[in-house]
PDB file of N, CA and C in Angstrom:
ATOM      1  N   UNK A   1      12.441  -9.818  13.603  1.00  0.00           N
ATOM      2  CA  UNK A   1      11.599  -8.869  14.349  1.00  0.00           C
ATOM      3  C   UNK A   1      12.275  -7.492  14.411  1.00  0.00           C
ATOM      4  N   UNK A   2      13.546  -7.494  14.763  1.00  0.00           N
ATOM      5  CA  UNK A   2      14.308  -6.245  14.834  1.00  0.00           C
ATOM      6  C   UNK A   2      14.394  -5.597  13.457  1.00  0.00           C
ATOM      7  N   UNK A   3      14.554  -6.454  12.444  1.00  0.00           N
ATOM      8  CA  UNK A   3      14.702  -5.964  11.078  1.00  0.00           C
ATOM      9  C   UNK A   3      13.436  -5.264  10.598  1.00  0.00           C
ATOM     10  N   UNK A   4      12.276  -5.816  10.964  1.00  0.00           N
ATOM     11  CA  UNK A   4      11.016  -5.187  10.558  1.00  0.00           C
ATOM     12  C   UNK A   4      10.838  -3.843  11.255  1.00  0.00           C
ATOM     13  N   UNK A   5      11.250  -3.770  12.509  1.00  0.00           N
ATOM     14  CA  UNK A   5      11.200  -2.498  13.240  1.00  0.00           C
ATOM     15  C   UNK A   5      12.122  -1.475  12.597  1.00  0.00           C
ATOM     16  N   UNK A   6      13.296  -1.940  12.179  1.00  0.00           N
ATOM     17  CA  UNK A   6      14.263  -1.073  11.516  1.00  0.00           C
ATOM     18  C   UNK A   6      13.691  -0.536  10.214  1.00  0.00           C
ATOM     19  N   UNK A   7      13.060  -1.416   9.445  1.00  0.00           N
ATOM     20  CA  UNK A   7      12.478  -1.001   8.167  1.00  0.00           C
ATOM     21  C   UNK A   7      11.336  -0.014   8.390  1.00  0.00           C
ATOM     22  N   UNK A   8      10.563  -0.218   9.468  1.00  0.00           N
ATOM     23  CA  UNK A   8       9.494   0.723   9.811  1.00  0.00           C
ATOM     24  C   UNK A   8      10.078   2.085  10.162  1.00  0.00           C
ATOM     25  N   UNK A   9      11.171   2.073  10.924  1.00  0.00           N
ATOM     26  CA  UNK A   9      11.851   3.315  11.298  1.00  0.00           C
ATOM     27  C   UNK A   9      12.365   4.044  10.066  1.00  0.00           C
ATOM     28  N   UNK A  10      12.930   3.290   9.134  1.00  0.00           N
ATOM     29  CA  UNK A  10      13.431   3.867   7.883  1.00  0.00           C
ATOM     30  C   UNK A  10      12.279   4.479   7.094  1.00  0.00           C
ATOM     31  N   UNK A  11      11.147   3.781   7.096  1.00  0.00           N
ATOM     32  CA  UNK A  11       9.967   4.250   6.374  1.00  0.00           C
ATOM     33  C   UNK A  11       9.465   5.564   6.964  1.00  0.00           C
ATOM     34  N   UNK A  12       9.363   5.619   8.287  1.00  0.00           N
ATOM     35  CA  UNK A  12       8.915   6.830   8.979  1.00  0.00           C
ATOM     36  C   UNK A  12       9.881   7.983   8.718  1.00  0.00           C
ATOM     37  N   UNK A  13      11.176   7.683   8.786  1.00  0.00           N
ATOM     38  CA  UNK A  13      12.207   8.684   8.535  1.00  0.00           C
ATOM     39  C   UNK A  13      12.083   9.243   7.124  1.00  0.00           C
ATOM     40  N   UNK A  14      11.883   8.353   6.163  1.00  0.00           N
ATOM     41  CA  UNK A  14      11.717   8.767   4.771  1.00  0.00           C
ATOM     42  C   UNK A  14      10.496   9.644   4.583  1.00  0.00           C
ATOM     43  N   UNK A  15       9.406   9.285   5.254  1.00  0.00           N
ATOM     44  CA  UNK A  15       8.174  10.058   5.138  1.00  0.00           C
ATOM     45  C   UNK A  15       8.324  11.431   5.779  1.00  0.00           C
ATOM     46  N   UNK A  16       9.000  11.481   6.926  1.00  0.00           N
ATOM     47  CA  UNK A  16       9.277  12.763   7.584  1.00  0.00           C
ATOM     48  C   UNK A  16      10.130  13.661   6.700  1.00  0.00           C
ATOM     49  N   UNK A  17      11.119  13.053   6.037  1.00  0.00           N
ATOM     50  CA  UNK A  17      11.979  13.782   5.117  1.00  0.00           C
ATOM     51  C   UNK A  17      11.144  14.354   3.977  1.00  0.00           C
ATOM     52  N   UNK A  18      10.229  13.529   3.481  1.00  0.00           N
ATOM     53  CA  UNK A  18       9.313  13.923   2.409  1.00  0.00           C
ATOM     54  C   UNK A  18       8.479  15.139   2.826  1.00  0.00           C
ATOM     55  N   UNK A  19       7.906  15.079   4.030  1.00  0.00           N
ATOM     56  CA  UNK A  19       7.086  16.184   4.537  1.00  0.00           C
ATOM     57  C   UNK A  19       7.925  17.441   4.747  1.00  0.00           C
ATOM     58  N   UNK A  20       9.137  17.259   5.255  1.00  0.00           N
ATOM     59  CA  UNK A  20      10.048  18.376   5.502  1.00  0.00           C
ATOM     60  C   UNK A  20      10.379  19.096   4.196  1.00  0.00           C
ATOM     61  N   UNK A  21      10.703  18.336   3.169  1.00  0.00           N
ATOM     62  CA  UNK A  21      11.000  18.897   1.850  1.00  0.00           C
ATOM     63  C   UNK A  21       9.787  19.662   1.329  1.00  0.00           C
ATOM     64  N   UNK A  22       8.619  19.080   1.545  1.00  0.00           N
ATOM     65  CA  UNK A  22       7.378  19.668   1.047  1.00  0.00           C
ATOM     66  C   UNK A  22       7.079  20.993   1.747  1.00  0.00           C
ATOM     67  N   UNK A  23       7.270  21.030   3.068  1.00  0.00           N
ATOM     68  CA  UNK A  23       7.019  22.238   3.859  1.00  0.00           C
ATOM     69  C   UNK A  23       7.984  23.357   3.493  1.00  0.00           C
ATOM     70  N   UNK A  24       9.214  22.995   3.174  1.00  0.00           N
ATOM     71  CA  UNK A  24      10.224  23.993   2.837  1.00  0.00           C
ATOM     72  C   UNK A  24      10.012  24.632   1.475  1.00  0.00           C
ATOM     73  N   UNK A  25       9.006  24.138   0.750  1.00  0.00           N
ATOM     74  CA  UNK A  25       8.685  24.730  -0.541  1.00  0.00           C
ATOM     75  C   UNK A  25       9.691  24.401  -1.626  1.00  0.00           C
ATOM     76  N   UNK A  26      10.400  23.307  -1.429  1.00  0.00           N
ATOM     77  CA  UNK A  26      11.313  22.854  -2.482  1.00  0.00           C
ATOM     78  C   UNK A  26      10.476  22.409  -3.678  1.00  0.00           C
ATOM     79  N   UNK A  27      11.059  22.432  -4.871  1.00  0.00           N
ATOM     80  CA  UNK A  27      10.313  21.979  -6.043  1.00  0.00           C
ATOM     81  C   UNK A  27       9.814  20.547  -5.860  1.00  0.00           C
ATOM     82  N   UNK A  28       8.587  20.334  -6.266  1.00  0.00           N
ATOM     83  CA  UNK A  28       7.950  19.030  -6.096  1.00  0.00           C
ATOM     84  C   UNK A  28       8.721  17.937  -6.831  1.00  0.00           C
ATOM     85  N   UNK A  29       9.338  18.299  -7.937  1.00  0.00           N
ATOM     86  CA  UNK A  29      10.084  17.324  -8.745  1.00  0.00           C
ATOM     87  C   UNK A  29      11.204  16.664  -7.942  1.00  0.00           C
ATOM     88  N   UNK A  30      11.958  17.479  -7.197  1.00  0.00           N
ATOM     89  CA  UNK A  30      13.065  16.933  -6.408  1.00  0.00           C
ATOM     90  C   UNK A  30      12.541  16.025  -5.295  1.00  0.00           C
ATOM     91  N   UNK A  31      11.385  16.387  -4.743  1.00  0.00           N
ATOM     92  CA  UNK A  31      10.755  15.568  -3.706  1.00  0.00           C
ATOM     93  C   UNK A  31      10.375  14.209  -4.276  1.00  0.00           C
ATOM     94  N   UNK A  32       9.765  14.228  -5.453  1.00  0.00           N
ATOM     95  CA  UNK A  32       9.366  12.985  -6.119  1.00  0.00           C
ATOM     96  C   UNK A  32      10.598  12.137  -6.441  1.00  0.00           C
ATOM     97  N   UNK A  33      11.646  12.787  -6.908  1.00  0.00           N
ATOM     98  CA  UNK A  33      12.891  12.080  -7.228  1.00  0.00           C
ATOM     99  C   UNK A  33      13.472  11.414  -5.986  1.00  0.00           C
ATOM    100  N   UNK A  34      13.536  12.162  -4.880  1.00  0.00           N
ATOM    101  CA  UNK A  34      14.057  11.620  -3.627  1.00  0.00           C
ATOM    102  C   UNK A  34      13.202  10.465  -3.137  1.00  0.00           C
ATOM    103  N   UNK A  35      11.885  10.637  -3.254  1.00  0.00           N
ATOM    104  CA  UNK A  35      10.955   9.625  -2.768  1.00  0.00           C
ATOM    105  C   UNK A  35      11.073   8.338  -3.579  1.00  0.00           C
ATOM    106  N   UNK A  36      11.184   8.471  -4.905  1.00  0.00           N
ATOM    107  CA  UNK A  36      11.321   7.282  -5.752  1.00  0.00           C
ATOM    108  C   UNK A  36      12.662   6.591  -5.496  1.00  0.00           C
ATOM    109  N   UNK A  37      13.703   7.385  -5.252  1.00  0.00           N
ATOM    110  CA  UNK A  37      15.019   6.832  -4.917  1.00  0.00           C
ATOM    111  C   UNK A  37      14.954   6.071  -3.601  1.00  0.00           C
ATOM    112  N   UNK A  38      14.222   6.633  -2.644  1.00  0.00           N
ATOM    113  CA  UNK A  38      14.035   6.001  -1.345  1.00  0.00           C
ATOM    114  C   UNK A  38      13.302   4.664  -1.477  1.00  0.00           C
ATOM    115  N   UNK A  39      12.269   4.640  -2.312  1.00  0.00           N
ATOM    116  CA  UNK A  39      11.524   3.399  -2.553  1.00  0.00           C
ATOM    117  C   UNK A  39      12.432   2.362  -3.221  1.00  0.00           C
ATOM    118  N   UNK A  40      13.247   2.822  -4.155  1.00  0.00           N
ATOM    119  CA  UNK A  40      14.213   1.959  -4.835  1.00  0.00           C
ATOM    120  C   UNK A  40      15.190   1.339  -3.828  1.00  0.00           C
ATOM    121  N   UNK A  41      15.705   2.163  -2.918  1.00  0.00           N
ATOM    122  CA  UNK A  41      16.604   1.686  -1.864  1.00  0.00           C
ATOM    123  C   UNK A  41      15.916   0.646  -0.994  1.00  0.00           C
ATOM    124  N   UNK A  42      14.672   0.914  -0.642  1.00  0.00           N
ATOM    125  CA  UNK A  42      13.928  -0.005   0.210  1.00  0.00           C
ATOM    126  C   UNK A  42      13.720  -1.349  -0.461  1.00  0.00           C
ATOM    127  N   UNK A  43      13.437  -1.334  -1.761  1.00  0.00           N
ATOM    128  CA  UNK A  43      13.223  -2.595  -2.470  1.00  0.00           C
ATOM    129  C   UNK A  43      14.507  -3.427  -2.495  1.00  0.00           C
ATOM    130  N   UNK A  44      15.649  -2.752  -2.652  1.00  0.00           N
ATOM    131  CA  UNK A  44      16.943  -3.448  -2.614  1.00  0.00           C
ATOM    132  C   UNK A  44      17.183  -4.020  -1.216  1.00  0.00           C
ATOM    133  N   UNK A  45      16.940  -3.206  -0.202  1.00  0.00           N
ATOM    134  CA  UNK A  45      17.080  -3.619   1.192  1.00  0.00           C
ATOM    135  C   UNK A  45      16.218  -4.848   1.461  1.00  0.00           C
ATOM    136  N   UNK A  46      14.987  -4.797   0.995  1.00  0.00           N
ATOM    137  CA  UNK A  46      14.022  -5.880   1.137  1.00  0.00           C
ATOM    138  C   UNK A  46      14.547  -7.140   0.456  1.00  0.00           C
ATOM    139  N   UNK A  47      15.056  -6.967  -0.749  1.00  0.00           N
ATOM    140  CA  UNK A  47      15.541  -8.092  -1.549  1.00  0.00           C
ATOM    141  C   UNK A  47      16.669  -8.829  -0.838  1.00  0.00           C
ATOM    142  N   UNK A  48      17.579  -8.086  -0.215  1.00  0.00           N
ATOM    143  CA  UNK A  48      18.734  -8.716   0.420  1.00  0.00           C
ATOM    144  C   UNK A  48      18.446  -9.286   1.809  1.00  0.00           C
ATOM    145  N   UNK A  49      17.556  -8.657   2.555  1.00  0.00           N
ATOM    146  CA  UNK A  49      17.401  -9.046   3.960  1.00  0.00           C
ATOM    147  C   UNK A  49      16.190  -9.916   4.278  1.00  0.00           C
ATOM    148  N   UNK A  50      15.233  -9.967   3.378  1.00  0.00           N
ATOM    149  CA  UNK A  50      13.996 -10.695   3.695  1.00  0.00           C
ATOM    150  C   UNK A  50      14.040 -12.151   3.240  1.00  0.00           C
ATOM    151  N   UNK A  51      14.880 -12.461   2.264  1.00  0.00           N
ATOM    152  CA  UNK A  51      14.922 -13.815   1.705  1.00  0.00           C
ATOM    153  C   UNK A  51      15.168 -14.899   2.745  1.00  0.00           C
TER     154      UNK A  51
END
């Protein structure tokens, strides 16, 4: 239960980071790169903790 809340918090944090990067007018490419890296991290996190 705590772990799912943690993952939700991480997800919200990642999305806020995404919006922040977008608002700052950073190149979209770097935003996409960060976002895909974040998704990659989440899948690894999921793989280790959900089993």
